[in-house]
């Protein structure tokens, strides 16, 4: 029989195997009363089966909570403790904010997570377990890849455009313990046994992301949930977008290329900017886990340094631009280059 091609339009996106755990994702649509969602989450406070809890992953909103739990867990974990010190150079302020730890504690069979892309398969965020520890360093087993990989120390650095040089460099094995993880770091994972600690939830949708990591409600536990603290309303621009009627779906799909009227587009952009300004300071103080070598507040500090340099340049339509003599563009561009290209965007950037 000949095959006939059919066009399929996806109308529902379901990540997990059931809808119980995803139907209560906080602040996604705000279509259900907060009380209903809260009651469902309170019921998930019940303990998980003991046989599953030993492999349970805990999610926290902040990195300091993650680090405290991981330190406690590795001490209690059975086996010999191995300590790996980093090789550091530079400004202590920025060394302390590099994601790779100064002191890495490991035991055989302890869970870890990669902090760097090492290949097209060994990517940042991949979870594994310590298979062995040799004189050359740890060997990590990645069950999802059916692979055992000896690790070498890699270079983590922070570059200052004002000083035109690297101000902090750390050589360390590119893993950290993952008995617990930050909600940010867990994005994209599907976890069979999960405990979400709701303390210090600080932005809209964060709790929803955490709940969405669970494969099913049977393997999900939610603790320290307080609706008045954890259920954070989405910005007005998001609520307005979600409340709007969808554009009519046309067979030729020209509806997808329709643009907003200029006045409406300006209104949405203005609302977004206002929302961003209100939350920016809070996010800088609390968000500590982003996949670069420095925290968000320091990244923006360096952005300002670039702005200061650019502001020194007088640009005229008919005149050439003269850069400061001490500005080493080659060094700046080389620090932005991705050594292990994984995406088209990274390839284009290089």
C-alpha atoms as a PDB file:
ATOM      1  CA  UNK A   1       0.000   0.000   0.000  1.00  0.00           C
ATOM      2  CA  UNK A   2       1.252   3.467  -0.800  1.00  0.00           C
ATOM      3  CA  UNK A   3       1.823   5.891   2.026  1.00  0.00           C
ATOM      4  CA  UNK A   4       0.093   9.228   2.165  1.00  0.00           C
ATOM      5  CA  UNK A   5       1.727  12.182   3.768  1.00  0.00           C
ATOM      6  CA  UNK A   6      -0.390  13.965   6.340  1.00  0.00           C
ATOM      7  CA  UNK A   7       0.153  17.290   8.032  1.00  0.00           C
ATOM      8  CA  UNK A   8      -0.212  17.123  11.818  1.00  0.00           C
ATOM      9  CA  UNK A   9      -0.855  20.199  13.938  1.00  0.00           C
ATOM     10  CA  UNK A  10       0.124  19.835  17.572  1.00  0.00           C
ATOM     11  CA  UNK A  11      -2.414  21.389  19.904  1.00  0.00           C
ATOM     12  CA  UNK A  12      -1.284  19.940  23.247  1.00  0.00           C
ATOM     13  CA  UNK A  13       2.211  19.627  24.693  1.00  0.00           C
ATOM     14  CA  UNK A  14       2.609  16.955  27.378  1.00  0.00           C
ATOM     15  CA  UNK A  15       6.067  16.240  28.745  1.00  0.00           C
ATOM     16  CA  UNK A  16       5.282  13.835  31.566  1.00  0.00           C
ATOM     17  CA  UNK A  17       3.395  10.568  31.488  1.00  0.00           C
ATOM     18  CA  UNK A  18       0.369  11.914  33.324  1.00  0.00           C
ATOM     19  CA  UNK A  19      -1.385  15.216  33.728  1.00  0.00           C
ATOM     20  CA  UNK A  20      -1.715  15.308  37.522  1.00  0.00           C
ATOM     21  CA  UNK A  21       1.701  16.805  38.114  1.00  0.00           C
ATOM     22  CA  UNK A  22       1.582  19.185  35.173  1.00  0.00           C
ATOM     23  CA  UNK A  23      -1.954  20.474  35.540  1.00  0.00           C
ATOM     24  CA  UNK A  24      -0.927  22.446  38.607  1.00  0.00           C
ATOM     25  CA  UNK A  25       2.093  24.157  37.126  1.00  0.00           C
ATOM     26  CA  UNK A  26       2.178  27.441  38.917  1.00  0.00           C
ATOM     27  CA  UNK A  27       1.685  30.727  37.075  1.00  0.00           C
ATOM     28  CA  UNK A  28       1.573  29.199  33.613  1.00  0.00           C
ATOM     29  CA  UNK A  29      -1.925  30.376  32.659  1.00  0.00           C
ATOM     30  CA  UNK A  30      -3.534  31.534  35.923  1.00  0.00           C
ATOM     31  CA  UNK A  31      -6.790  29.924  34.719  1.00  0.00           C
ATOM     32  CA  UNK A  32      -7.260  27.888  37.890  1.00  0.00           C
ATOM     33  CA  UNK A  33      -7.831  29.516  41.259  1.00  0.00           C
ATOM     34  CA  UNK A  34      -4.745  29.691  43.442  1.00  0.00           C
ATOM     35  CA  UNK A  35      -6.628  27.844  46.176  1.00  0.00           C
ATOM     36  CA  UNK A  36      -7.171  24.782  43.954  1.00  0.00           C
ATOM     37  CA  UNK A  37      -3.546  24.625  42.916  1.00  0.00           C
ATOM     38  CA  UNK A  38      -2.392  25.153  46.470  1.00  0.00           C
ATOM     39  CA  UNK A  39      -4.541  22.331  47.825  1.00  0.00           C
ATOM     40  CA  UNK A  40      -3.111  19.936  45.239  1.00  0.00           C
ATOM     41  CA  UNK A  41       0.452  20.906  46.137  1.00  0.00           C
ATOM     42  CA  UNK A  42      -0.208  20.562  49.868  1.00  0.00           C
ATOM     43  CA  UNK A  43      -1.331  16.965  49.271  1.00  0.00           C
ATOM     44  CA  UNK A  44       2.041  16.283  47.631  1.00  0.00           C
ATOM     45  CA  UNK A  45       3.784  16.902  50.943  1.00  0.00           C
ATOM     46  CA  UNK A  46       3.375  13.210  51.848  1.00  0.00           C
ATOM     47  CA  UNK A  47       6.638  11.207  52.158  1.00  0.00           C
ATOM     48  CA  UNK A  48       7.863   9.221  49.182  1.00  0.00           C
ATOM     49  CA  UNK A  49       8.508   5.477  49.469  1.00  0.00           C
ATOM     50  CA  UNK A  50      11.720   4.733  51.359  1.00  0.00           C
ATOM     51  CA  UNK A  51      13.060   2.473  48.616  1.00  0.00           C
ATOM     52  CA  UNK A  52      12.888   5.369  46.143  1.00  0.00           C
ATOM     53  CA  UNK A  53      14.058   8.168  48.422  1.00  0.00           C
ATOM     54  CA  UNK A  54      17.723   7.163  48.369  1.00  0.00           C
ATOM     55  CA  UNK A  55      17.860   8.102  44.671  1.00  0.00           C
ATOM     56  CA  UNK A  56      15.656  11.164  45.042  1.00  0.00           C
ATOM     57  CA  UNK A  57      16.834  14.505  43.649  1.00  0.00           C
ATOM     58  CA  UNK A  58      16.084  17.677  45.568  1.00  0.00           C
ATOM     59  CA  UNK A  59      15.442  21.003  43.850  1.00  0.00           C
ATOM     60  CA  UNK A  60      16.048  24.386  45.471  1.00  0.00           C
ATOM     61  CA  UNK A  61      15.623  27.884  44.119  1.00  0.00           C
ATOM     62  CA  UNK A  62      19.020  29.157  45.279  1.00  0.00           C
ATOM     63  CA  UNK A  63      22.569  27.906  44.837  1.00  0.00           C
ATOM     64  CA  UNK A  64      23.534  28.380  48.480  1.00  0.00           C
ATOM     65  CA  UNK A  65      20.751  25.972  49.495  1.00  0.00           C
ATOM     66  CA  UNK A  66      21.977  23.498  46.881  1.00  0.00           C
ATOM     67  CA  UNK A  67      25.576  23.687  48.081  1.00  0.00           C
ATOM     68  CA  UNK A  68      24.623  23.257  51.744  1.00  0.00           C
ATOM     69  CA  UNK A  69      22.531  20.174  50.993  1.00  0.00           C
ATOM     70  CA  UNK A  70      25.209  18.648  48.761  1.00  0.00           C
ATOM     71  CA  UNK A  71      27.910  19.109  51.408  1.00  0.00           C
ATOM     72  CA  UNK A  72      25.750  17.459  54.042  1.00  0.00           C
ATOM     73  CA  UNK A  73      24.790  14.621  51.698  1.00  0.00           C
ATOM     74  CA  UNK A  74      28.345  13.762  50.600  1.00  0.00           C
ATOM     75  CA  UNK A  75      29.470  13.537  54.242  1.00  0.00           C
ATOM     76  CA  UNK A  76      26.639  11.117  55.031  1.00  0.00           C
ATOM     77  CA  UNK A  77      27.123   9.152  51.794  1.00  0.00           C
ATOM     78  CA  UNK A  78      28.953   5.819  52.332  1.00  0.00           C
ATOM     79  CA  UNK A  79      32.529   5.380  51.169  1.00  0.00           C
ATOM     80  CA  UNK A  80      35.886   7.118  51.237  1.00  0.00           C
ATOM     81  CA  UNK A  81      35.870  10.874  50.765  1.00  0.00           C
ATOM     82  CA  UNK A  82      38.181  12.352  48.105  1.00  0.00           C
ATOM     83  CA  UNK A  83      39.031  16.045  47.993  1.00  0.00           C
ATOM     84  CA  UNK A  84      40.107  17.899  44.861  1.00  0.00           C
ATOM     85  CA  UNK A  85      41.423  21.453  45.196  1.00  0.00           C
ATOM     86  CA  UNK A  86      41.254  23.873  42.296  1.00  0.00           C
ATOM     87  CA  UNK A  87      44.233  25.821  40.932  1.00  0.00           C
ATOM     88  CA  UNK A  88      43.258  29.493  41.181  1.00  0.00           C
ATOM     89  CA  UNK A  89      44.663  32.792  39.972  1.00  0.00           C
ATOM     90  CA  UNK A  90      43.211  36.274  40.108  1.00  0.00           C
ATOM     91  CA  UNK A  91      40.628  38.348  41.947  1.00  0.00           C
ATOM     92  CA  UNK A  92      39.134  36.464  44.907  1.00  0.00           C
ATOM     93  CA  UNK A  93      35.797  38.256  44.484  1.00  0.00           C
ATOM     94  CA  UNK A  94      35.246  36.664  41.089  1.00  0.00           C
ATOM     95  CA  UNK A  95      36.917  33.362  41.899  1.00  0.00           C
ATOM     96  CA  UNK A  96      34.261  32.848  44.578  1.00  0.00           C
ATOM     97  CA  UNK A  97      31.540  33.280  41.980  1.00  0.00           C
ATOM     98  CA  UNK A  98      32.822  30.785  39.422  1.00  0.00           C
ATOM     99  CA  UNK A  99      30.425  27.860  39.193  1.00  0.00           C
ATOM    100  CA  UNK A 100      33.123  25.210  39.554  1.00  0.00           C
ATOM    101  CA  UNK A 101      33.870  24.739  43.288  1.00  0.00           C
ATOM    102  CA  UNK A 102      37.196  25.605  44.861  1.00  0.00           C
ATOM    103  CA  UNK A 103      37.052  22.343  46.832  1.00  0.00           C
ATOM    104  CA  UNK A 104      35.349  19.396  45.161  1.00  0.00           C
ATOM    105  CA  UNK A 105      34.342  16.518  47.449  1.00  0.00           C
ATOM    106  CA  UNK A 106      33.568  13.198  45.774  1.00  0.00           C
ATOM    107  CA  UNK A 107      32.869   9.590  46.689  1.00  0.00           C
ATOM    108  CA  UNK A 108      32.461   6.578  44.432  1.00  0.00           C
ATOM    109  CA  UNK A 109      28.837   6.275  43.252  1.00  0.00           C
ATOM    110  CA  UNK A 110      28.007   9.862  44.251  1.00  0.00           C
ATOM    111  CA  UNK A 111      25.765  11.710  41.753  1.00  0.00           C
ATOM    112  CA  UNK A 112      27.316  14.580  39.799  1.00  0.00           C
ATOM    113  CA  UNK A 113      26.370  16.977  37.024  1.00  0.00           C
ATOM    114  CA  UNK A 114      28.540  18.358  34.217  1.00  0.00           C
ATOM    115  CA  UNK A 115      29.347  22.073  34.251  1.00  0.00           C
ATOM    116  CA  UNK A 116      30.772  22.297  30.730  1.00  0.00           C
ATOM    117  CA  UNK A 117      30.178  20.994  27.229  1.00  0.00           C
ATOM    118  CA  UNK A 118      32.945  18.446  26.676  1.00  0.00           C
ATOM    119  CA  UNK A 119      31.656  16.985  23.399  1.00  0.00           C
ATOM    120  CA  UNK A 120      28.486  16.795  21.336  1.00  0.00           C
ATOM    121  CA  UNK A 121      27.157  14.186  23.807  1.00  0.00           C
ATOM    122  CA  UNK A 122      28.809  15.212  27.070  1.00  0.00           C
ATOM    123  CA  UNK A 123      26.962  18.474  27.548  1.00  0.00           C
ATOM    124  CA  UNK A 124      26.470  20.981  30.336  1.00  0.00           C
ATOM    125  CA  UNK A 125      23.764  19.700  32.718  1.00  0.00           C
ATOM    126  CA  UNK A 126      24.245  15.985  31.988  1.00  0.00           C
ATOM    127  CA  UNK A 127      23.904  13.863  35.129  1.00  0.00           C
ATOM    128  CA  UNK A 128      26.099  10.907  36.011  1.00  0.00           C
ATOM    129  CA  UNK A 129      27.744   9.046  38.898  1.00  0.00           C
ATOM    130  CA  UNK A 130      31.334   8.711  40.056  1.00  0.00           C
ATOM    131  CA  UNK A 131      32.408   5.294  38.753  1.00  0.00           C
ATOM    132  CA  UNK A 132      35.974   5.328  40.093  1.00  0.00           C
ATOM    133  CA  UNK A 133      38.649   7.691  41.361  1.00  0.00           C
ATOM    134  CA  UNK A 134      42.231   7.171  40.214  1.00  0.00           C
ATOM    135  CA  UNK A 135      45.509   9.022  40.597  1.00  0.00           C
ATOM    136  CA  UNK A 136      44.616  10.883  37.399  1.00  0.00           C
ATOM    137  CA  UNK A 137      41.241  12.034  38.710  1.00  0.00           C
ATOM    138  CA  UNK A 138      37.588  10.928  38.749  1.00  0.00           C
ATOM    139  CA  UNK A 139      35.919   8.639  36.207  1.00  0.00           C
ATOM    140  CA  UNK A 140      32.254   9.445  35.666  1.00  0.00           C
ATOM    141  CA  UNK A 141      29.643   7.007  34.397  1.00  0.00           C
ATOM    142  CA  UNK A 142      26.805   8.471  32.347  1.00  0.00           C
ATOM    143  CA  UNK A 143      24.007   5.842  32.294  1.00  0.00           C
ATOM    144  CA  UNK A 144      21.957   7.703  29.685  1.00  0.00           C
ATOM    145  CA  UNK A 145      24.897   7.438  27.260  1.00  0.00           C
ATOM    146  CA  UNK A 146      26.167   4.028  28.418  1.00  0.00           C
ATOM    147  CA  UNK A 147      29.557   5.706  28.770  1.00  0.00           C
ATOM    148  CA  UNK A 148      32.368   5.911  31.339  1.00  0.00           C
ATOM    149  CA  UNK A 149      34.548   9.000  30.961  1.00  0.00           C
ATOM    150  CA  UNK A 150      37.765   9.967  32.804  1.00  0.00           C
ATOM    151  CA  UNK A 151      37.777  13.691  33.506  1.00  0.00           C
ATOM    152  CA  UNK A 152      40.553  16.243  33.302  1.00  0.00           C
ATOM    153  CA  UNK A 153      40.621  19.676  34.848  1.00  0.00           C
ATOM    154  CA  UNK A 154      39.335  22.445  32.591  1.00  0.00           C
ATOM    155  CA  UNK A 155      39.732  26.203  32.634  1.00  0.00           C
ATOM    156  CA  UNK A 156      37.017  28.471  34.051  1.00  0.00           C
ATOM    157  CA  UNK A 157      37.698  32.200  33.667  1.00  0.00           C
ATOM    158  CA  UNK A 158      36.267  35.694  34.062  1.00  0.00           C
ATOM    159  CA  UNK A 159      37.245  38.442  31.634  1.00  0.00           C
ATOM    160  CA  UNK A 160      37.144  42.185  32.401  1.00  0.00           C
ATOM    161  CA  UNK A 161      36.797  44.457  29.339  1.00  0.00           C
ATOM    162  CA  UNK A 162      37.905  47.509  31.339  1.00  0.00           C
ATOM    163  CA  UNK A 163      41.171  45.884  32.411  1.00  0.00           C
ATOM    164  CA  UNK A 164      41.361  44.160  29.048  1.00  0.00           C
ATOM    165  CA  UNK A 165      42.431  40.912  30.672  1.00  0.00           C
ATOM    166  CA  UNK A 166      41.206  37.895  32.588  1.00  0.00           C
ATOM    167  CA  UNK A 167      40.757  38.747  36.262  1.00  0.00           C
ATOM    168  CA  UNK A 168      40.040  35.253  37.588  1.00  0.00           C
ATOM    169  CA  UNK A 169      41.058  31.791  36.383  1.00  0.00           C
ATOM    170  CA  UNK A 170      40.205  28.450  37.978  1.00  0.00           C
ATOM    171  CA  UNK A 171      41.338  24.990  36.897  1.00  0.00           C
ATOM    172  CA  UNK A 172      38.971  22.331  38.218  1.00  0.00           C
ATOM    173  CA  UNK A 173      37.184  19.147  37.198  1.00  0.00           C
ATOM    174  CA  UNK A 174      34.001  20.250  35.376  1.00  0.00           C
ATOM    175  CA  UNK A 175      31.502  18.549  37.700  1.00  0.00           C
ATOM    176  CA  UNK A 176      29.696  19.286  40.934  1.00  0.00           C
ATOM    177  CA  UNK A 177      27.628  17.117  43.261  1.00  0.00           C
ATOM    178  CA  UNK A 178      23.962  16.710  42.313  1.00  0.00           C
ATOM    179  CA  UNK A 179      22.215  15.247  45.337  1.00  0.00           C
ATOM    180  CA  UNK A 180      20.441  18.561  44.970  1.00  0.00           C
ATOM    181  CA  UNK A 181      20.196  20.970  42.038  1.00  0.00           C
ATOM    182  CA  UNK A 182      18.933  24.456  41.436  1.00  0.00           C
ATOM    183  CA  UNK A 183      15.626  24.801  39.626  1.00  0.00           C
ATOM    184  CA  UNK A 184      17.466  26.728  36.932  1.00  0.00           C
ATOM    185  CA  UNK A 185      19.998  23.946  36.377  1.00  0.00           C
ATOM    186  CA  UNK A 186      17.265  21.282  36.232  1.00  0.00           C
ATOM    187  CA  UNK A 187      15.511  22.775  33.212  1.00  0.00           C
ATOM    188  CA  UNK A 188      14.990  20.192  30.487  1.00  0.00           C
ATOM    189  CA  UNK A 189      15.426  17.164  32.773  1.00  0.00           C
ATOM    190  CA  UNK A 190      12.847  14.460  33.494  1.00  0.00           C
ATOM    191  CA  UNK A 191      13.332  13.007  36.982  1.00  0.00           C
ATOM    192  CA  UNK A 192      11.687   9.846  38.343  1.00  0.00           C
ATOM    193  CA  UNK A 193      12.009  10.727  42.040  1.00  0.00           C
ATOM    194  CA  UNK A 194      11.913  14.406  42.895  1.00  0.00           C
ATOM    195  CA  UNK A 195      11.510  16.554  46.010  1.00  0.00           C
ATOM    196  CA  UNK A 196      10.880  20.265  45.474  1.00  0.00           C
ATOM    197  CA  UNK A 197      11.702  22.609  48.358  1.00  0.00           C
ATOM    198  CA  UNK A 198       9.658  25.786  47.867  1.00  0.00           C
ATOM    199  CA  UNK A 199      11.637  28.007  50.213  1.00  0.00           C
ATOM    200  CA  UNK A 200      12.893  31.239  48.619  1.00  0.00           C
ATOM    201  CA  UNK A 201      10.939  30.891  45.375  1.00  0.00           C
ATOM    202  CA  UNK A 202      11.543  34.336  43.932  1.00  0.00           C
ATOM    203  CA  UNK A 203      10.089  34.707  40.441  1.00  0.00           C
ATOM    204  CA  UNK A 204       6.987  33.808  38.403  1.00  0.00           C
ATOM    205  CA  UNK A 205       6.922  30.359  36.862  1.00  0.00           C
ATOM    206  CA  UNK A 206       9.855  29.059  38.912  1.00  0.00           C
ATOM    207  CA  UNK A 207       7.735  26.611  40.881  1.00  0.00           C
ATOM    208  CA  UNK A 208       6.047  25.482  37.677  1.00  0.00           C
ATOM    209  CA  UNK A 209       9.417  24.680  36.127  1.00  0.00           C
ATOM    210  CA  UNK A 210      10.352  22.633  39.190  1.00  0.00           C
ATOM    211  CA  UNK A 211       7.113  20.626  39.174  1.00  0.00           C
ATOM    212  CA  UNK A 212       7.508  19.968  35.467  1.00  0.00           C
ATOM    213  CA  UNK A 213      10.733  18.024  36.062  1.00  0.00           C
ATOM    214  CA  UNK A 214       8.787  15.140  37.668  1.00  0.00           C
ATOM    215  CA  UNK A 215       7.856  12.209  35.456  1.00  0.00           C
ATOM    216  CA  UNK A 216       4.701  11.613  37.491  1.00  0.00           C
ATOM    217  CA  UNK A 217       3.058  12.726  40.718  1.00  0.00           C
ATOM    218  CA  UNK A 218       3.854   9.328  42.261  1.00  0.00           C
ATOM    219  CA  UNK A 219       7.528  10.276  42.357  1.00  0.00           C
ATOM    220  CA  UNK A 220       6.984  13.926  43.321  1.00  0.00           C
ATOM    221  CA  UNK A 221       7.083  15.493  46.768  1.00  0.00           C
ATOM    222  CA  UNK A 222       6.574  19.220  47.468  1.00  0.00           C
ATOM    223  CA  UNK A 223       7.639  20.680  50.825  1.00  0.00           C
ATOM    224  CA  UNK A 224       7.621  24.142  52.435  1.00  0.00           C
ATOM    225  CA  UNK A 225       4.871  25.308  50.086  1.00  0.00           C
ATOM    226  CA  UNK A 226       3.172  28.550  51.139  1.00  0.00           C
ATOM    227  CA  UNK A 227       0.810  30.008  48.515  1.00  0.00           C
ATOM    228  CA  UNK A 228       1.270  33.591  49.701  1.00  0.00           C
ATOM    229  CA  UNK A 229       5.047  33.314  49.163  1.00  0.00           C
ATOM    230  CA  UNK A 230       5.438  30.767  46.383  1.00  0.00           C
ATOM    231  CA  UNK A 231       2.644  31.726  43.991  1.00  0.00           C
ATOM    232  CA  UNK A 232       4.048  34.815  42.287  1.00  0.00           C
ATOM    233  CA  UNK A 233       1.891  36.553  39.728  1.00  0.00           C
ATOM    234  CA  UNK A 234       3.172  36.824  36.186  1.00  0.00           C
ATOM    235  CA  UNK A 235       3.968  40.329  34.866  1.00  0.00           C
ATOM    236  CA  UNK A 236       1.031  42.187  33.402  1.00  0.00           C
ATOM    237  CA  UNK A 237       2.356  41.876  29.858  1.00  0.00           C
ATOM    238  CA  UNK A 238       2.324  38.063  30.170  1.00  0.00           C
ATOM    239  CA  UNK A 239      -1.170  37.979  31.664  1.00  0.00           C
ATOM    240  CA  UNK A 240      -2.452  40.216  28.887  1.00  0.00           C
ATOM    241  CA  UNK A 241      -0.905  37.973  26.261  1.00  0.00           C
ATOM    242  CA  UNK A 242      -2.413  34.812  27.757  1.00  0.00           C
ATOM    243  CA  UNK A 243      -5.864  36.392  28.009  1.00  0.00           C
ATOM    244  CA  UNK A 244      -5.990  37.389  24.346  1.00  0.00           C
ATOM    245  CA  UNK A 245      -7.951  35.343  21.842  1.00  0.00           C
ATOM    246  CA  UNK A 246      -5.833  33.347  19.450  1.00  0.00           C
ATOM    247  CA  UNK A 247      -5.591  34.440  15.833  1.00  0.00           C
ATOM    248  CA  UNK A 248      -7.721  32.316  13.522  1.00  0.00           C
ATOM    249  CA  UNK A 249      -5.756  29.359  12.164  1.00  0.00           C
ATOM    250  CA  UNK A 250      -5.619  29.572   8.371  1.00  0.00           C
ATOM    251  CA  UNK A 251      -4.941  26.588   6.149  1.00  0.00           C
ATOM    252  CA  UNK A 252      -2.155  28.360   4.256  1.00  0.00           C
ATOM    253  CA  UNK A 253      -0.528  29.266   7.607  1.00  0.00           C
ATOM    254  CA  UNK A 254      -0.282  32.951   6.654  1.00  0.00           C
ATOM    255  CA  UNK A 255      -1.610  33.686  10.128  1.00  0.00           C
ATOM    256  CA  UNK A 256       1.832  32.804  11.472  1.00  0.00           C
ATOM    257  CA  UNK A 257       3.471  35.661   9.570  1.00  0.00           C
ATOM    258  CA  UNK A 258       1.027  38.373  10.620  1.00  0.00           C
ATOM    259  CA  UNK A 259       2.631  41.131  12.649  1.00  0.00           C
ATOM    260  CA  UNK A 260       1.218  43.172  15.498  1.00  0.00           C
ATOM    261  CA  UNK A 261       0.001  46.657  14.708  1.00  0.00           C
ATOM    262  CA  UNK A 262       2.759  49.123  15.493  1.00  0.00           C
ATOM    263  CA  UNK A 263       0.843  50.813  18.333  1.00  0.00           C
ATOM    264  CA  UNK A 264       0.014  47.472  19.958  1.00  0.00           C
ATOM    265  CA  UNK A 265       3.582  46.292  19.583  1.00  0.00           C
ATOM    266  CA  UNK A 266       4.901  49.432  21.241  1.00  0.00           C
ATOM    267  CA  UNK A 267       2.431  48.919  24.101  1.00  0.00           C
ATOM    268  CA  UNK A 268       3.651  45.353  24.698  1.00  0.00           C
ATOM    269  CA  UNK A 269       7.300  46.409  24.517  1.00  0.00           C
ATOM    270  CA  UNK A 270       6.719  49.239  26.993  1.00  0.00           C
ATOM    271  CA  UNK A 271       4.972  46.929  29.448  1.00  0.00           C
ATOM    272  CA  UNK A 272       7.788  44.403  29.147  1.00  0.00           C
ATOM    273  CA  UNK A 273      10.455  47.034  29.833  1.00  0.00           C
ATOM    274  CA  UNK A 274       8.597  48.298  32.888  1.00  0.00           C
ATOM    275  CA  UNK A 275       8.228  44.766  34.225  1.00  0.00           C
ATOM    276  CA  UNK A 276      11.903  44.054  33.621  1.00  0.00           C
ATOM    277  CA  UNK A 277      13.000  47.189  35.463  1.00  0.00           C
ATOM    278  CA  UNK A 278      10.915  46.255  38.531  1.00  0.00           C
ATOM    279  CA  UNK A 279      12.304  42.750  38.823  1.00  0.00           C
ATOM    280  CA  UNK A 280      15.867  43.260  37.597  1.00  0.00           C
ATOM    281  CA  UNK A 281      17.387  44.192  40.956  1.00  0.00           C
ATOM    282  CA  UNK A 282      15.734  41.259  42.750  1.00  0.00           C
ATOM    283  CA  UNK A 283      16.873  38.781  40.113  1.00  0.00           C
ATOM    284  CA  UNK A 284      20.444  40.038  40.332  1.00  0.00           C
ATOM    285  CA  UNK A 285      20.470  39.474  44.082  1.00  0.00           C
ATOM    286  CA  UNK A 286      19.014  35.972  44.012  1.00  0.00           C
ATOM    287  CA  UNK A 287      19.629  34.235  40.692  1.00  0.00           C
ATOM    288  CA  UNK A 288      23.011  32.599  41.064  1.00  0.00           C
ATOM    289  CA  UNK A 289      22.980  29.687  38.660  1.00  0.00           C
ATOM    290  CA  UNK A 290      23.454  30.593  35.029  1.00  0.00           C
ATOM    291  CA  UNK A 291      25.547  28.627  32.539  1.00  0.00           C
ATOM    292  CA  UNK A 292      28.459  31.090  32.355  1.00  0.00           C
ATOM    293  CA  UNK A 293      31.508  31.618  34.540  1.00  0.00           C
ATOM    294  CA  UNK A 294      30.176  34.599  36.459  1.00  0.00           C
ATOM    295  CA  UNK A 295      26.907  35.629  38.018  1.00  0.00           C
ATOM    296  CA  UNK A 296      24.297  37.727  36.292  1.00  0.00           C
ATOM    297  CA  UNK A 297      25.027  40.882  38.286  1.00  0.00           C
ATOM    298  CA  UNK A 298      28.722  40.712  37.403  1.00  0.00           C
ATOM    299  CA  UNK A 299      27.889  40.011  33.763  1.00  0.00           C
ATOM    300  CA  UNK A 300      25.842  43.190  33.683  1.00  0.00           C
ATOM    301  CA  UNK A 301      28.638  45.025  35.477  1.00  0.00           C
ATOM    302  CA  UNK A 302      30.959  44.041  32.642  1.00  0.00           C
ATOM    303  CA  UNK A 303      28.304  45.063  30.092  1.00  0.00           C
ATOM    304  CA  UNK A 304      28.399  48.521  31.662  1.00  0.00           C
ATOM    305  CA  UNK A 305      32.161  48.560  31.293  1.00  0.00           C
ATOM    306  CA  UNK A 306      31.753  47.873  27.577  1.00  0.00           C
ATOM    307  CA  UNK A 307      29.176  50.683  27.398  1.00  0.00           C
ATOM    308  CA  UNK A 308      31.658  53.053  29.044  1.00  0.00           C
ATOM    309  CA  UNK A 309      34.254  52.179  26.424  1.00  0.00           C
ATOM    310  CA  UNK A 310      31.773  52.593  23.583  1.00  0.00           C
ATOM    311  CA  UNK A 311      30.617  55.957  24.980  1.00  0.00           C
ATOM    312  CA  UNK A 312      34.171  57.235  24.541  1.00  0.00           C
ATOM    313  CA  UNK A 313      33.948  56.679  20.802  1.00  0.00           C
ATOM    314  CA  UNK A 314      32.655  59.552  18.649  1.00  0.00           C
ATOM    315  CA  UNK A 315      30.732  58.172  15.695  1.00  0.00           C
ATOM    316  CA  UNK A 316      30.055  60.384  12.676  1.00  0.00           C
ATOM    317  CA  UNK A 317      28.493  59.306   9.424  1.00  0.00           C
ATOM    318  CA  UNK A 318      31.423  60.402   7.308  1.00  0.00           C
ATOM    319  CA  UNK A 319      34.257  59.892   9.761  1.00  0.00           C
ATOM    320  CA  UNK A 320      36.098  56.650  10.635  1.00  0.00           C
ATOM    321  CA  UNK A 321      35.775  55.277  14.150  1.00  0.00           C
ATOM    322  CA  UNK A 322      38.930  55.276  16.265  1.00  0.00           C
ATOM    323  CA  UNK A 323      39.137  52.691  19.025  1.00  0.00           C
ATOM    324  CA  UNK A 324      41.138  53.235  22.224  1.00  0.00           C
ATOM    325  CA  UNK A 325      44.742  52.206  21.664  1.00  0.00           C
ATOM    326  CA  UNK A 326      44.756  49.870  24.667  1.00  0.00           C
ATOM    327  CA  UNK A 327      41.616  47.992  23.616  1.00  0.00           C
ATOM    328  CA  UNK A 328      42.674  44.463  22.598  1.00  0.00           C
ATOM    329  CA  UNK A 329      39.804  43.260  20.410  1.00  0.00           C
ATOM    330  CA  UNK A 330      41.536  39.998  19.541  1.00  0.00           C
ATOM    331  CA  UNK A 331      41.669  39.013  23.205  1.00  0.00           C
ATOM    332  CA  UNK A 332      38.028  39.993  23.750  1.00  0.00           C
ATOM    333  CA  UNK A 333      36.821  38.071  20.705  1.00  0.00           C
ATOM    334  CA  UNK A 334      38.889  34.996  21.563  1.00  0.00           C
ATOM    335  CA  UNK A 335      37.345  34.910  25.039  1.00  0.00           C
ATOM    336  CA  UNK A 336      33.866  34.825  23.460  1.00  0.00           C
ATOM    337  CA  UNK A 337      34.694  32.028  21.019  1.00  0.00           C
ATOM    338  CA  UNK A 338      33.143  28.631  21.743  1.00  0.00           C
ATOM    339  CA  UNK A 339      35.709  25.842  21.652  1.00  0.00           C
ATOM    340  CA  UNK A 340      33.133  23.043  21.309  1.00  0.00           C
ATOM    341  CA  UNK A 341      30.550  24.200  18.774  1.00  0.00           C
ATOM    342  CA  UNK A 342      27.160  22.554  19.337  1.00  0.00           C
ATOM    343  CA  UNK A 343      24.645  24.877  17.672  1.00  0.00           C
ATOM    344  CA  UNK A 344      24.336  26.953  14.494  1.00  0.00           C
ATOM    345  CA  UNK A 345      24.302  30.110  16.626  1.00  0.00           C
ATOM    346  CA  UNK A 346      27.618  29.167  18.224  1.00  0.00           C
ATOM    347  CA  UNK A 347      29.069  28.412  14.783  1.00  0.00           C
ATOM    348  CA  UNK A 348      27.926  31.785  13.451  1.00  0.00           C
ATOM    349  CA  UNK A 349      29.354  33.541  16.532  1.00  0.00           C
ATOM    350  CA  UNK A 350      32.731  31.905  15.945  1.00  0.00           C
END
